[in-house]
Amino acid sequence: MDAPMVVLYSVDNKWIVHSQECVPKRGPGDFVNVWSTPGEAVTNIIDFFLGNPNRMKKKAERKESAKKRAHARDD
C-alpha cells in the first residue's frame, strides 16, 4: 500500500488524527486534527482518504518532488 500513514489516538478525552511524514516538523499535507468524539475523528480519516482529493494531493506532490530531487542527485 502506497498511502500516507494516519494515526488515531485519544488524549485527555480528545481524539487526535495525526499524519506527519516530514521530520522534524510538519511539511506540506501533514496535519494534526483534534476532535471531541471518535465519530468525528473517523469521519476526518475517511474524508482524508476518500473525500476531497486536495488533502492527499499535497502529500503526493511533496513525495514526487522528493523523488525528483533524489534522482537528480543520482545522475
N, C-alpha and C. Protein backbone atom coordinates (compact mmCIF):
# COMPACT_ATOMS: atom_id res chain seq x y z
N MET A 1 0.85 -1.17 0.00
CA MET A 1 0.00 0.00 0.00
C MET A 1 0.90 1.23 0.00
N ASP A 2 0.66 2.11 -0.91
CA ASP A 2 1.46 3.33 -1.01
C ASP A 2 0.56 4.52 -0.68
N ALA A 3 0.23 4.63 0.61
CA ALA A 3 -0.64 5.72 1.06
C ALA A 3 -0.04 6.31 2.33
N PRO A 4 -0.33 7.56 2.61
CA PRO A 4 0.17 8.18 3.84
C PRO A 4 -0.37 7.46 5.08
N MET A 5 0.45 7.41 6.12
CA MET A 5 0.02 6.82 7.37
C MET A 5 -0.75 7.87 8.18
N VAL A 6 -1.89 7.47 8.71
CA VAL A 6 -2.70 8.32 9.56
C VAL A 6 -2.89 7.58 10.88
N VAL A 7 -2.66 8.28 11.98
CA VAL A 7 -2.76 7.69 13.31
C VAL A 7 -3.94 8.32 14.05
N LEU A 8 -4.70 7.48 14.73
CA LEU A 8 -5.82 7.93 15.56
C LEU A 8 -5.52 7.55 17.00
N TYR A 9 -5.58 8.53 17.91
CA TYR A 9 -5.37 8.24 19.32
C TYR A 9 -6.14 9.24 20.17
N SER A 10 -6.26 8.91 21.46
CA SER A 10 -7.02 9.75 22.38
C SER A 10 -6.10 10.25 23.50
N VAL A 11 -6.25 11.54 23.84
CA VAL A 11 -5.52 12.17 24.94
C VAL A 11 -6.48 13.13 25.64
N ASP A 12 -6.62 12.97 26.94
CA ASP A 12 -7.47 13.88 27.73
C ASP A 12 -8.86 14.05 27.13
N ASN A 13 -9.50 12.95 26.78
CA ASN A 13 -10.86 12.95 26.24
C ASN A 13 -10.99 13.66 24.90
N LYS A 14 -9.89 13.85 24.19
CA LYS A 14 -9.90 14.41 22.84
C LYS A 14 -9.39 13.32 21.90
N TRP A 15 -9.88 13.33 20.69
CA TRP A 15 -9.48 12.34 19.68
C TRP A 15 -8.61 13.04 18.64
N ILE A 16 -7.41 12.53 18.45
CA ILE A 16 -6.43 13.16 17.57
C ILE A 16 -6.24 12.31 16.33
N VAL A 17 -6.29 12.96 15.17
CA VAL A 17 -5.97 12.35 13.88
C VAL A 17 -4.69 13.04 13.43
N HIS A 18 -3.64 12.23 13.24
CA HIS A 18 -2.30 12.78 13.02
C HIS A 18 -1.65 12.10 11.83
N SER A 19 -1.14 12.89 10.94
CA SER A 19 -0.38 12.38 9.80
C SER A 19 0.81 13.29 9.58
N GLN A 20 2.00 12.73 9.80
CA GLN A 20 3.22 13.53 9.63
C GLN A 20 4.29 12.65 9.00
N GLU A 21 4.71 13.02 7.80
CA GLU A 21 5.75 12.29 7.10
C GLU A 21 7.05 13.09 7.03
N CYS A 22 6.98 14.39 7.26
CA CYS A 22 8.17 15.23 7.25
C CYS A 22 8.74 15.30 8.67
N VAL A 23 10.05 15.36 8.77
CA VAL A 23 10.73 15.41 10.05
C VAL A 23 11.79 16.50 9.97
N PRO A 24 11.97 17.30 10.96
CA PRO A 24 11.45 17.24 12.33
C PRO A 24 10.15 17.99 12.53
N LYS A 25 9.70 18.75 11.52
CA LYS A 25 8.45 19.49 11.69
C LYS A 25 7.49 19.12 10.57
N ARG A 26 6.24 19.53 10.70
CA ARG A 26 5.24 19.23 9.68
C ARG A 26 5.57 19.89 8.35
N GLY A 27 5.31 19.15 7.28
CA GLY A 27 5.52 19.65 5.93
C GLY A 27 4.21 19.73 5.19
N PRO A 28 4.27 19.93 3.87
CA PRO A 28 3.05 20.03 3.06
C PRO A 28 2.17 18.79 3.22
N GLY A 29 0.94 19.02 3.56
CA GLY A 29 -0.02 17.93 3.69
C GLY A 29 -0.05 17.26 5.06
N ASP A 30 0.97 17.48 5.89
CA ASP A 30 0.96 16.92 7.24
C ASP A 30 -0.06 17.65 8.09
N PHE A 31 -0.66 16.96 9.05
CA PHE A 31 -1.68 17.61 9.88
C PHE A 31 -1.85 16.91 11.22
N VAL A 32 -2.39 17.66 12.17
CA VAL A 32 -2.86 17.16 13.45
C VAL A 32 -4.22 17.80 13.67
N ASN A 33 -5.26 16.98 13.70
CA ASN A 33 -6.62 17.48 13.92
C ASN A 33 -7.15 16.91 15.23
N VAL A 34 -7.78 17.73 16.04
CA VAL A 34 -8.30 17.32 17.34
C VAL A 34 -9.83 17.36 17.28
N TRP A 35 -10.46 16.28 17.77
CA TRP A 35 -11.91 16.14 17.71
C TRP A 35 -12.46 15.79 19.08
N SER A 36 -13.73 16.08 19.28
CA SER A 36 -14.40 15.81 20.57
C SER A 36 -14.89 14.38 20.68
N THR A 37 -15.18 13.75 19.54
CA THR A 37 -15.73 12.39 19.58
C THR A 37 -14.95 11.48 18.62
N PRO A 38 -14.97 10.18 18.90
CA PRO A 38 -14.31 9.26 17.96
C PRO A 38 -14.99 9.27 16.59
N GLY A 39 -16.29 9.49 16.54
CA GLY A 39 -17.01 9.54 15.26
C GLY A 39 -16.52 10.67 14.38
N GLU A 40 -16.29 11.85 14.98
CA GLU A 40 -15.76 12.98 14.21
C GLU A 40 -14.36 12.66 13.68
N ALA A 41 -13.56 12.00 14.51
CA ALA A 41 -12.20 11.65 14.09
C ALA A 41 -12.22 10.67 12.94
N VAL A 42 -13.06 9.66 13.02
CA VAL A 42 -13.16 8.67 11.94
C VAL A 42 -13.68 9.32 10.66
N THR A 43 -14.63 10.22 10.78
CA THR A 43 -15.13 10.95 9.61
C THR A 43 -14.00 11.73 8.95
N ASN A 44 -13.13 12.32 9.77
CA ASN A 44 -11.98 13.06 9.25
C ASN A 44 -11.03 12.14 8.48
N ILE A 45 -10.79 10.95 9.01
CA ILE A 45 -9.92 9.98 8.33
C ILE A 45 -10.53 9.54 7.01
N ILE A 46 -11.80 9.23 7.01
CA ILE A 46 -12.48 8.82 5.78
C ILE A 46 -12.43 9.93 4.75
N ASP A 47 -12.63 11.17 5.20
CA ASP A 47 -12.56 12.31 4.28
C ASP A 47 -11.16 12.45 3.69
N PHE A 48 -10.13 12.23 4.51
CA PHE A 48 -8.76 12.35 4.01
C PHE A 48 -8.51 11.34 2.89
N PHE A 49 -8.90 10.09 3.09
CA PHE A 49 -8.61 9.06 2.10
C PHE A 49 -9.61 9.02 0.95
N LEU A 50 -10.87 9.34 1.20
CA LEU A 50 -11.91 9.15 0.18
C LEU A 50 -12.67 10.41 -0.18
N GLY A 51 -12.44 11.50 0.53
CA GLY A 51 -13.17 12.74 0.28
C GLY A 51 -12.43 13.66 -0.67
N ASN A 52 -12.27 14.88 -0.25
CA ASN A 52 -11.63 15.91 -1.06
C ASN A 52 -10.20 15.49 -1.42
N PRO A 53 -9.91 15.25 -2.69
CA PRO A 53 -8.57 14.77 -3.06
C PRO A 53 -7.46 15.79 -2.85
N ASN A 54 -7.80 17.06 -2.68
CA ASN A 54 -6.77 18.08 -2.47
C ASN A 54 -6.00 17.85 -1.16
N ARG A 55 -6.64 17.25 -0.16
CA ARG A 55 -5.94 17.00 1.10
C ARG A 55 -4.78 16.03 0.89
N MET A 56 -5.02 14.93 0.20
CA MET A 56 -3.97 13.95 -0.03
C MET A 56 -3.02 14.40 -1.13
N LYS A 57 -3.51 15.23 -2.04
CA LYS A 57 -2.69 15.69 -3.17
C LYS A 57 -1.44 16.43 -2.68
N LYS A 58 -1.54 17.19 -1.59
CA LYS A 58 -0.39 17.91 -1.05
C LYS A 58 0.73 16.94 -0.68
N LYS A 59 0.36 15.82 -0.07
CA LYS A 59 1.37 14.82 0.29
C LYS A 59 1.96 14.17 -0.96
N ALA A 60 1.12 13.88 -1.95
CA ALA A 60 1.60 13.26 -3.18
C ALA A 60 2.57 14.17 -3.92
N GLU A 61 2.26 15.46 -3.97
CA GLU A 61 3.15 16.41 -4.63
C GLU A 61 4.49 16.51 -3.91
N ARG A 62 4.47 16.52 -2.58
CA ARG A 62 5.70 16.58 -1.81
C ARG A 62 6.54 15.33 -2.05
N LYS A 63 5.89 14.17 -2.09
CA LYS A 63 6.59 12.90 -2.31
C LYS A 63 7.22 12.88 -3.71
N GLU A 64 6.50 13.32 -4.70
CA GLU A 64 7.01 13.35 -6.08
C GLU A 64 8.20 14.30 -6.20
N SER A 65 8.10 15.44 -5.55
CA SER A 65 9.19 16.41 -5.57
C SER A 65 10.45 15.82 -4.93
N ALA A 66 10.29 15.13 -3.82
CA ALA A 66 11.44 14.50 -3.16
C ALA A 66 12.06 13.42 -4.04
N LYS A 67 11.22 12.68 -4.74
CA LYS A 67 11.71 11.63 -5.63
C LYS A 67 12.53 12.23 -6.77
N LYS A 68 12.06 13.35 -7.34
CA LYS A 68 12.79 14.02 -8.41
C LYS A 68 14.12 14.54 -7.93
N ARG A 69 14.17 15.11 -6.72
CA ARG A 69 15.44 15.60 -6.17
C ARG A 69 16.42 14.45 -5.97
N ALA A 70 15.94 13.32 -5.50
CA ALA A 70 16.80 12.16 -5.28
C ALA A 70 17.35 11.65 -6.61
N HIS A 71 16.55 11.60 -7.64
CA HIS A 71 17.01 11.15 -8.95
C HIS A 71 18.03 12.13 -9.55
N ALA A 72 17.82 13.43 -9.31
CA ALA A 72 18.76 14.44 -9.82
C ALA A 72 20.13 14.27 -9.16
N ARG A 73 20.14 13.91 -7.88
CA ARG A 73 21.42 13.69 -7.18
C ARG A 73 22.12 12.45 -7.71
N ASP A 74 21.33 11.43 -8.09
CA ASP A 74 21.90 10.17 -8.59
C ASP A 74 22.51 10.32 -9.98
N ASP A 75 22.03 11.29 -10.75
CA ASP A 75 22.52 11.46 -12.14
C ASP A 75 23.86 12.08 -12.22
